[in-house]
N, C-alpha and C. Protein backbone atom coordinates (compact mmCIF):
# COMPACT_ATOMS: atom_id res chain seq x y z
N MET A 1 -18.97 -25.00 13.48
CA MET A 1 -18.45 -25.76 12.69
C MET A 1 -17.11 -26.03 12.59
N PRO A 2 -15.96 -26.84 13.56
CA PRO A 2 -15.07 -26.62 12.71
C PRO A 2 -14.43 -26.44 11.62
N GLY A 3 -13.43 -25.13 11.15
CA GLY A 3 -12.80 -25.70 9.62
C GLY A 3 -13.75 -25.07 8.68
N HIS A 4 -14.72 -24.38 9.29
CA HIS A 4 -16.15 -24.11 8.48
C HIS A 4 -15.40 -22.60 7.34
N SER A 5 -14.80 -22.06 7.80
CA SER A 5 -14.44 -20.74 7.78
C SER A 5 -12.81 -20.52 7.99
N PRO A 6 -12.45 -21.24 7.75
CA PRO A 6 -10.06 -20.79 7.95
C PRO A 6 -9.67 -19.61 7.51
N LYS A 7 -10.05 -18.87 7.02
CA LYS A 7 -9.81 -17.73 6.09
C LYS A 7 -9.69 -16.45 6.71
N THR A 8 -10.98 -16.75 7.06
CA THR A 8 -11.75 -15.50 7.40
C THR A 8 -10.88 -14.77 8.87
N PRO A 9 -10.51 -15.35 9.55
CA PRO A 9 -9.96 -14.55 10.72
C PRO A 9 -7.95 -14.29 10.36
N ALA A 10 -7.27 -15.00 9.54
CA ALA A 10 -6.74 -14.06 8.44
C ALA A 10 -6.65 -13.39 7.87
N LYS A 11 -7.99 -13.22 7.01
CA LYS A 11 -7.94 -11.87 6.36
C LYS A 11 -8.55 -10.79 6.95
N SER A 12 -8.86 -11.14 7.57
CA SER A 12 -9.36 -9.79 8.58
C SER A 12 -7.88 -9.19 9.27
N GLN A 13 -7.07 -9.62 9.41
CA GLN A 13 -6.44 -9.24 9.92
C GLN A 13 -4.77 -8.20 8.93
N LYS A 14 -5.28 -8.77 7.98
CA LYS A 14 -4.32 -8.49 6.65
C LYS A 14 -4.54 -7.15 6.51
N LEU A 15 -3.28 -6.37 6.09
CA LEU A 15 -3.66 -5.20 5.57
C LEU A 15 -3.90 -4.74 4.16
N PRO A 16 -5.09 -4.20 3.36
CA PRO A 16 -5.21 -3.97 1.80
C PRO A 16 -3.60 -3.75 1.22
N SER A 17 -3.38 -4.56 -0.31
CA SER A 17 -1.67 -3.13 -0.36
C SER A 17 -2.30 -2.26 -0.78
N PHE A 18 -0.95 -2.06 -1.47
CA PHE A 18 -0.93 -0.44 -1.40
C PHE A 18 -1.74 0.48 -2.33
N GLU A 19 -1.85 -0.84 -3.81
CA GLU A 19 -2.68 -0.72 -4.41
C GLU A 19 -3.91 -0.55 -4.19
N ALA A 20 -5.33 -1.20 -3.25
CA ALA A 20 -5.80 -1.19 -2.87
C ALA A 20 -5.85 -0.01 -1.69
N ALA A 21 -5.50 -0.13 -0.88
CA ALA A 21 -5.23 1.27 -0.14
C ALA A 21 -5.55 2.88 -0.65
N LEU A 22 -4.75 2.61 -1.87
CA LEU A 22 -4.26 4.14 -2.09
C LEU A 22 -5.99 4.30 -2.95
N ALA A 23 -6.68 3.26 -3.89
CA ALA A 23 -8.51 3.30 -4.01
C ALA A 23 -9.05 3.71 -3.40
N GLU A 24 -8.85 3.03 -2.60
CA GLU A 24 -9.97 3.49 -1.00
C GLU A 24 -9.80 4.89 -0.56
N LEU A 25 -8.32 4.93 -0.80
CA LEU A 25 -8.60 5.88 -0.42
C LEU A 25 -8.57 7.26 -1.29
N GLU A 26 -8.57 7.40 -2.63
CA GLU A 26 -9.12 8.45 -3.08
C GLU A 26 -10.59 8.24 -3.31
N GLN A 27 -11.10 6.79 -3.32
CA GLN A 27 -12.72 6.84 -2.75
C GLN A 27 -13.24 7.51 -1.88
N VAL A 28 -12.48 7.79 -0.66
CA VAL A 28 -12.89 8.13 0.10
C VAL A 28 -12.84 10.05 0.02
N VAL A 29 -11.79 10.57 -0.12
CA VAL A 29 -11.16 11.83 -0.92
C VAL A 29 -12.83 11.74 -1.76
N ALA A 30 -12.90 11.16 -2.80
CA ALA A 30 -14.32 11.89 -3.65
C ALA A 30 -15.55 12.11 -2.57
N ASP A 31 -15.74 11.11 -1.72
CA ASP A 31 -17.06 10.79 -1.32
C ASP A 31 -16.77 12.67 -0.31
N MET A 32 -15.56 13.27 0.02
CA MET A 32 -15.91 13.61 1.15
C MET A 32 -16.16 15.36 0.28
N GLU A 33 -14.95 15.25 -0.85
CA GLU A 33 -15.31 16.58 -1.90
C GLU A 33 -16.76 16.69 -2.26
N ALA A 34 -17.81 15.27 -2.45
CA ALA A 34 -18.88 15.91 -2.49
C ALA A 34 -19.92 16.37 -1.84
N GLY A 35 -19.22 16.50 -0.39
CA GLY A 35 -19.87 17.41 0.53
C GLY A 35 -21.30 16.90 0.64
N GLN A 36 -21.77 15.72 0.58
CA GLN A 36 -22.97 15.23 0.89
C GLN A 36 -22.92 13.93 2.19
N LEU A 37 -21.84 13.87 2.66
CA LEU A 37 -21.89 13.03 3.79
C LEU A 37 -21.93 14.30 4.86
N PRO A 38 -23.15 13.03 6.44
CA PRO A 38 -23.57 14.15 7.13
C PRO A 38 -22.14 14.04 8.29
N LEU A 39 -22.93 14.95 9.32
CA LEU A 39 -21.03 15.28 9.83
C LEU A 39 -20.45 13.89 10.44
N GLU A 40 -20.88 13.12 11.02
CA GLU A 40 -20.62 11.56 11.61
C GLU A 40 -19.87 11.13 10.29
N ASP A 41 -20.73 10.73 9.54
CA ASP A 41 -19.73 9.85 8.25
C ASP A 41 -18.60 10.54 7.87
N ALA A 42 -18.48 12.02 8.03
CA ALA A 42 -17.48 12.64 7.25
C ALA A 42 -16.25 12.42 8.29
N LEU A 43 -16.53 12.73 9.54
CA LEU A 43 -15.41 12.19 10.31
C LEU A 43 -15.15 11.05 10.60
N ALA A 44 -16.07 9.97 10.17
CA ALA A 44 -15.56 8.92 9.77
C ALA A 44 -14.51 8.41 8.99
N ALA A 45 -15.16 9.14 7.79
CA ALA A 45 -14.71 9.04 6.17
C ALA A 45 -12.88 9.47 6.60
N TYR A 46 -12.56 10.86 7.59
CA TYR A 46 -11.67 11.57 7.82
C TYR A 46 -10.91 10.74 8.35
N LYS A 47 -11.20 10.25 9.51
CA LYS A 47 -10.74 8.96 10.22
C LYS A 47 -10.23 7.49 9.40
N ARG A 48 -11.05 7.62 8.58
CA ARG A 48 -10.00 6.23 7.74
C ARG A 48 -9.26 6.79 6.35
N GLY A 49 -9.62 8.17 5.92
CA GLY A 49 -8.78 8.48 4.98
C GLY A 49 -7.26 8.72 5.52
N ALA A 50 -7.62 9.13 6.82
CA ALA A 50 -5.90 9.26 7.33
C ALA A 50 -5.50 8.00 8.04
N GLU A 51 -6.13 7.09 8.26
CA GLU A 51 -5.45 5.21 8.12
C GLU A 51 -4.74 4.90 7.31
N LEU A 52 -5.38 5.46 6.22
CA LEU A 52 -5.22 4.70 4.88
C LEU A 52 -3.78 5.81 4.21
N LEU A 53 -3.67 6.51 4.74
CA LEU A 53 -2.97 7.75 4.07
C LEU A 53 -1.26 7.45 4.61
N GLN A 54 -1.42 6.86 5.94
CA GLN A 54 -0.48 6.94 7.15
C GLN A 54 0.21 5.29 6.23
N GLN A 55 -0.73 4.41 5.96
CA GLN A 55 -0.50 3.04 5.33
C GLN A 55 -0.18 3.38 4.29
N CYS A 56 0.08 4.14 3.12
CA CYS A 56 -0.09 4.27 1.79
C CYS A 56 1.70 4.81 2.30
N ARG A 57 1.76 5.86 2.88
CA ARG A 57 3.17 6.29 3.30
C ARG A 57 3.88 5.22 3.86
N SER A 58 3.69 4.60 4.81
CA SER A 58 4.74 3.49 5.44
C SER A 58 4.94 2.64 4.74
N ARG A 59 3.86 2.25 3.64
CA ARG A 59 4.29 1.31 2.12
C ARG A 59 5.53 1.61 1.20
N LEU A 60 5.23 2.85 1.05
CA LEU A 60 5.85 4.03 0.57
C LEU A 60 7.85 4.24 0.65
N ASP A 61 7.69 4.10 2.57
CA ASP A 61 8.86 4.57 2.44
C ASP A 61 9.39 3.10 2.85
N ASP A 62 8.86 1.71 3.31
CA ASP A 62 9.67 0.53 3.80
C ASP A 62 10.19 0.05 1.44
N ALA A 63 9.44 1.00 0.52
CA ALA A 63 9.55 0.35 -0.73
C ALA A 63 10.71 1.39 -0.74
N GLN A 64 10.79 2.69 -0.50
CA GLN A 64 11.66 3.51 -0.56
C GLN A 64 13.47 2.89 -0.21
N GLN A 65 13.15 2.73 1.43
CA GLN A 65 14.03 2.07 2.16
C GLN A 65 14.76 0.35 1.01
N GLN A 66 13.93 0.04 0.54
CA GLN A 66 14.32 -0.97 0.09
C GLN A 66 14.99 -1.05 -1.52
N VAL A 67 14.69 -0.03 -1.94
CA VAL A 67 15.38 0.95 -3.14
C VAL A 67 16.79 1.13 -3.00
N ARG A 68 16.89 1.93 -1.91
CA ARG A 68 18.20 2.42 -1.37
C ARG A 68 19.36 1.40 -1.05
N VAL A 69 19.03 0.18 -0.45
CA VAL A 69 19.52 -0.90 0.25
C VAL A 69 19.63 -1.48 -1.28
N LEU A 70 19.08 -1.30 -2.45
CA LEU A 70 19.89 -2.45 -3.73
C LEU A 70 20.46 -1.49 -3.88
N GLU A 71 20.12 0.12 -4.54
CA GLU A 71 21.07 0.70 -4.77
C GLU A 71 22.71 0.62 -4.33
N GLU A 72 22.10 0.30 -3.12
CA GLU A 72 23.82 0.98 -2.24
C GLU A 72 24.87 -0.46 -2.24
N GLY A 73 23.81 -1.70 -2.29
CA GLY A 73 24.33 -3.08 -2.77
C GLY A 73 24.60 -3.49 -4.35
N THR A 74 23.19 -4.65 -4.33
CA THR A 74 23.56 -5.17 -5.19
C THR A 74 23.05 -4.98 -7.01
N LEU A 75 22.59 -3.56 -7.05
CA LEU A 75 22.27 -2.69 -8.41
C LEU A 75 23.55 -1.76 -8.64
N LYS A 76 24.48 -1.09 -8.21
CA LYS A 76 25.33 -0.64 -8.20
C LYS A 76 26.52 -1.72 -8.80
N THR A 77 26.48 -2.57 -7.81
CA THR A 77 27.55 -4.09 -8.43
C THR A 77 27.38 -4.83 -9.11
N PHE A 78 26.56 -4.51 -9.56
CA PHE A 78 25.52 -5.69 -10.83
C PHE A 78 25.91 -5.06 -12.23
N GLN A 79 26.71 -5.32 -13.17
CA GLN A 79 27.15 -4.96 -13.90
C GLN A 79 27.06 -6.23 -15.29
N VAL A 80 26.97 -5.76 -16.55
CA VAL A 80 27.21 -6.96 -17.40
C VAL A 80 28.70 -6.40 -18.27
N SER A 81 29.29 -7.60 -18.19
CA SER A 81 30.47 -7.48 -18.58
C SER A 81 30.98 -7.85 -20.10
N GLY A 82 30.08 -7.71 -20.91
CA GLY A 82 29.93 -7.83 -22.20
C GLY A 82 29.40 -9.49 -22.54
N ASP A 83 29.40 -10.48 -21.74
CA ASP A 83 29.15 -11.47 -21.87
C ASP A 83 28.43 -11.70 -23.43
N ALA A 84 27.23 -10.59 -23.09
CA ALA A 84 26.28 -10.87 -23.92
C ALA A 84 26.55 -10.55 -25.53
N SER A 85 26.95 -9.93 -25.61
CA SER A 85 27.73 -9.40 -26.84
C SER A 85 28.84 -10.05 -27.44
N GLN A 86 29.75 -11.16 -26.74
CA GLN A 86 30.60 -11.87 -28.02
C GLN A 86 29.98 -12.37 -28.94
N PRO A 87 30.76 -12.36 -29.44
CA PRO A 87 30.71 -12.91 -31.23
C PRO A 87 31.03 -14.03 -31.52
């Protein structure tokens, strides 16, 4: 049926949010630290953890760059000139 599930393709291509990726990474680490994973599952978990770590680092780098841009431009030139404290 056309239009049966229009959001499925877009959702599968969307990366998880930073918070979701970090939570999943923490779960992967906990599972691996438990030492109960068979070798194949441990390797898959390690690979997934590496992917999540890269996503988190990339998003942190992007956020850090945005902060630098704001600090060098908008935020440093934005100063309240005392308008709110006028009698």
